[in-house]
Amino acid sequence: MNSPAIVEKIKQYPVAVICAVVLLLLLVVVFMRSGVAAELALQEADLNSRIRTIDENIKNSKGLKQDTEKLVAMAGQIDEVLLKRYERAININFFYRLESDAGVIIADIAQLPTPDAIYAEGGPRKLERFSTLVYNISLTGSFTDLLEFLYQLEQADPLIRVADFYVSREGEELAGSSVEARLRVLVLAQKE
C-alpha cells in the first residue's frame, strides 16, 4: 500500500487508529514500568507487615503503664535487699545467722574478689543493673541440717543461687552421721 491509501484508511477509521496508538503507548509504558511494579509490590508487602506489627503492639500495650509501675516497684524491692561488695563483715554475718538457725557449723566462708564470670562483663549472662558476690562456704552438720541450711538460703531476702554443691560423709554409720559440705554461692549485689 502506498501512503495516500494509508491516509485514506486512517481517515475512514479514525477511532480505531487512535485506540491502536493509545494501546501501543500503554504497552510501552507498562513494559517500561514493569520493574517498578515489582519493587512497589515488595514495598507494599513490607508496609502491610509493619501495619500488622503496629496493630499487635497496640493490642499488647493495654495495661503497659500499670505493668511498668509494678516492675519499677519490684526493682526497688530488689535494690533494698542487695548485698554490698565492700561490706564483707555484714555479708559474712548474714551466713553465720543462718548457721545457728539451721544447726550446721560453718568452718569457712570466703568472699571471692571478683563477680562470677558468667554474669560479669563479657559473660554470656551479663547483668546490666546488678553484680554478683561469690562465696565459698564449707560447713558440717547432719544431712537434715544441711538441707535446712539450703532451704534458708532459698528463703532469704537477698537473691541467692547455689552454683556448686559437694557433700561427703564423715562417719561409717548412716544414722546420725555428720556430713561435710562445700558450697559455691552466688548472691545478687549492687553494681560496682
Protein backbone atom coordinates (compact mmCIF):
# COMPACT_ATOMS: atom_id res chain seq x y z
CA MET A 1 0.00 0.00 0.00
CA ASN A 2 1.17 3.46 -0.76
CA SER A 3 0.96 6.43 1.59
CA PRO A 4 -2.24 8.02 0.14
CA ALA A 5 -4.09 4.71 0.65
CA ILE A 6 -2.90 4.57 4.26
CA VAL A 7 -4.03 8.14 4.85
CA GLU A 8 -7.44 7.28 3.36
CA LYS A 9 -7.80 4.27 5.70
CA ILE A 10 -6.86 6.43 8.69
CA LYS A 11 -9.48 8.97 7.69
CA GLN A 12 -12.02 6.17 7.25
CA TYR A 13 -11.44 4.67 10.75
CA PRO A 14 -10.11 7.46 13.00
CA VAL A 15 -11.36 6.00 16.30
CA ALA A 16 -9.70 2.63 15.64
CA VAL A 17 -6.41 4.31 14.77
CA ILE A 18 -6.47 6.47 17.92
CA CYS A 19 -7.27 3.40 20.04
CA ALA A 20 -4.41 1.48 18.44
CA VAL A 21 -1.97 4.32 19.11
CA VAL A 22 -3.16 4.63 22.72
CA LEU A 23 -2.85 0.84 23.15
CA LEU A 24 0.72 0.93 21.82
CA LEU A 25 1.59 3.78 24.18
CA LEU A 26 0.09 1.87 27.15
CA LEU A 27 2.06 -1.26 26.23
CA VAL A 28 5.25 0.78 26.08
CA VAL A 29 4.52 2.38 29.46
CA VAL A 30 3.71 -1.00 31.07
CA PHE A 31 6.86 -2.51 29.61
CA MET A 32 8.98 0.38 30.87
CA ARG A 33 7.41 0.36 34.37
CA SER A 34 7.29 -3.41 34.93
CA GLY A 35 10.42 -3.38 37.16
CA VAL A 36 8.96 -0.59 39.29
CA ALA A 37 5.72 -2.52 39.78
CA ALA A 38 7.59 -5.47 41.34
CA GLU A 39 9.54 -3.13 43.60
CA LEU A 40 6.38 -1.33 44.66
CA ALA A 41 4.69 -4.67 45.41
CA LEU A 42 7.57 -5.55 47.77
CA GLN A 43 7.31 -2.16 49.48
CA GLU A 44 3.56 -2.64 49.87
CA ALA A 45 4.08 -6.08 51.48
CA ASP A 46 6.67 -4.59 53.85
CA LEU A 47 4.38 -1.71 54.83
CA ASN A 48 1.45 -4.11 55.39
CA SER A 49 3.68 -6.20 57.66
CA ARG A 50 4.63 -3.09 59.65
CA ILE A 51 0.96 -2.14 59.98
CA ARG A 52 0.15 -5.62 61.36
CA THR A 53 3.04 -5.32 63.84
CA ILE A 54 1.85 -1.89 64.98
CA ASP A 55 -1.71 -3.22 65.41
CA GLU A 56 -0.41 -6.14 67.51
CA ASN A 57 1.71 -3.77 69.61
CA ILE A 58 -1.32 -1.57 70.24
CA LYS A 59 -3.30 -4.61 71.44
CA ASN A 60 -0.42 -5.81 73.64
CA SER A 61 0.22 -2.38 75.17
CA LYS A 62 -3.05 -2.35 77.11
CA GLY A 63 -2.14 -2.07 80.81
CA LEU A 64 1.51 -1.36 79.99
CA LYS A 65 1.67 1.64 82.31
CA GLN A 66 0.44 -0.40 85.30
CA ASP A 67 2.85 -3.25 84.46
CA THR A 68 5.72 -0.76 84.24
CA GLU A 69 4.82 0.71 87.62
CA LYS A 70 4.75 -2.79 89.16
CA LEU A 71 8.16 -3.60 87.67
CA VAL A 72 9.66 -0.36 88.98
CA ALA A 73 8.28 -1.17 92.45
CA MET A 74 9.73 -4.69 92.26
CA ALA A 75 13.11 -3.30 91.18
CA GLY A 76 13.00 -1.00 94.22
CA GLN A 77 12.33 -4.01 96.46
CA ILE A 78 15.29 -5.84 94.92
CA ASP A 79 17.54 -2.80 95.49
CA GLU A 80 16.67 -2.87 99.21
CA VAL A 81 17.96 -6.44 99.73
CA LEU A 82 21.12 -6.28 97.63
CA LEU A 83 24.40 -7.00 99.36
CA LYS A 84 27.23 -4.50 99.02
CA ARG A 85 30.60 -5.85 97.88
CA TYR A 86 32.69 -3.85 100.33
CA GLU A 87 30.64 -4.66 103.44
CA ARG A 88 32.35 -8.02 103.88
CA ALA A 89 31.70 -8.40 107.60
CA ILE A 90 27.98 -7.67 107.26
CA ASN A 91 27.72 -10.05 104.32
CA ILE A 92 29.51 -12.89 106.10
CA ASN A 93 27.47 -12.35 109.28
CA PHE A 94 24.37 -12.93 107.13
CA PHE A 95 25.53 -16.52 106.53
CA TYR A 96 26.50 -17.01 110.19
CA ARG A 97 22.94 -16.07 111.23
CA LEU A 98 21.67 -18.87 109.01
CA GLU A 99 24.19 -21.23 110.61
CA SER A 100 22.59 -21.08 114.05
CA ASP A 101 19.05 -21.32 112.65
CA ALA A 102 19.85 -24.45 110.60
CA GLY A 103 22.04 -26.18 113.19
CA VAL A 104 25.11 -26.51 110.98
CA ILE A 105 28.65 -25.39 111.74
CA ILE A 106 30.32 -23.15 109.18
CA ALA A 107 34.00 -23.99 109.03
CA ASP A 108 34.99 -21.38 106.48
CA ILE A 109 33.46 -18.59 104.38
CA ALA A 110 35.45 -16.86 101.67
CA GLN A 111 34.13 -13.97 99.62
CA LEU A 112 35.86 -14.08 96.25
CA PRO A 113 37.15 -10.71 94.99
CA THR A 114 35.54 -10.83 91.54
CA PRO A 115 31.98 -11.46 90.36
CA ASP A 116 31.09 -14.78 88.78
CA ALA A 117 32.42 -14.88 85.20
CA ILE A 118 29.11 -15.96 83.67
CA TYR A 119 27.39 -12.80 84.96
CA ALA A 120 30.35 -10.41 84.61
CA GLU A 121 31.14 -8.03 81.76
CA GLY A 122 31.59 -10.09 78.58
CA GLY A 123 29.94 -13.18 80.08
CA PRO A 124 27.06 -14.99 78.39
CA ARG A 125 24.55 -13.81 81.02
CA LYS A 126 25.95 -10.35 81.70
CA LEU A 127 23.97 -8.41 84.31
CA GLU A 128 23.20 -4.82 83.38
CA ARG A 129 21.88 -3.38 86.67
CA PHE A 130 23.44 -5.73 89.21
CA SER A 131 26.58 -7.64 90.08
CA THR A 132 27.23 -10.90 91.91
CA LEU A 133 29.17 -11.77 95.03
CA VAL A 134 30.69 -15.25 95.09
CA TYR A 135 31.16 -17.13 98.36
CA ASN A 136 32.86 -20.46 99.01
CA ILE A 137 31.32 -21.95 102.15
CA SER A 138 32.49 -25.07 103.99
CA LEU A 139 30.18 -26.45 106.65
CA THR A 140 29.39 -29.58 108.67
CA GLY A 141 26.24 -30.94 110.24
CA SER A 142 23.65 -33.64 109.78
CA PHE A 143 22.23 -34.12 106.31
CA THR A 144 18.87 -32.82 107.52
CA ASP A 145 20.51 -29.69 108.96
CA LEU A 146 22.36 -29.18 105.69
CA LEU A 147 19.06 -29.34 103.79
CA GLU A 148 17.61 -26.83 106.27
CA PHE A 149 20.57 -24.50 105.58
CA LEU A 150 19.95 -24.76 101.82
CA TYR A 151 16.25 -24.11 102.37
CA GLN A 152 17.05 -20.99 104.41
CA LEU A 153 19.36 -19.77 101.63
CA GLU A 154 16.50 -20.17 99.19
CA GLN A 155 14.07 -18.32 101.50
CA ALA A 156 16.46 -15.45 102.33
CA ASP A 157 15.74 -11.89 101.21
CA PRO A 158 18.83 -11.49 99.03
CA LEU A 159 18.60 -13.41 95.78
CA ILE A 160 20.94 -16.36 96.27
CA ARG A 161 21.91 -19.17 93.91
CA VAL A 162 23.86 -22.26 94.97
CA ALA A 163 26.12 -22.77 91.94
CA ASP A 164 28.19 -25.76 93.13
CA PHE A 165 27.39 -28.27 95.83
CA TYR A 166 29.60 -31.07 97.15
CA VAL A 167 28.70 -33.35 100.08
CA SER A 168 30.78 -36.07 101.76
CA ARG A 169 30.01 -38.23 104.79
CA GLU A 170 32.45 -38.32 107.71
CA GLY A 171 31.32 -41.39 109.67
CA GLU A 172 30.65 -45.00 108.70
CA GLU A 173 27.21 -45.06 110.28
CA LEU A 174 24.47 -43.58 108.15
CA ALA A 175 22.10 -42.71 111.00
CA GLY A 176 23.21 -39.61 112.88
CA SER A 177 26.42 -39.25 110.92
CA SER A 178 27.75 -35.85 110.12
CA VAL A 179 28.24 -34.65 106.57
CA GLU A 180 30.71 -32.14 105.27
CA ALA A 181 29.58 -29.81 102.51
CA ARG A 182 31.24 -27.26 100.26
CA LEU A 183 29.06 -24.72 98.51
CA ARG A 184 29.76 -22.04 95.95
CA VAL A 185 27.04 -19.44 96.44
CA LEU A 186 26.22 -16.50 94.16
CA VAL A 187 24.44 -13.52 95.72
CA LEU A 188 22.90 -10.66 93.77
CA ALA A 189 24.70 -7.45 94.69
CA GLN A 190 24.88 -3.78 93.81
CA LYS A 191 26.59 -2.89 90.54
CA GLU A 192 30.22 -1.90 91.04
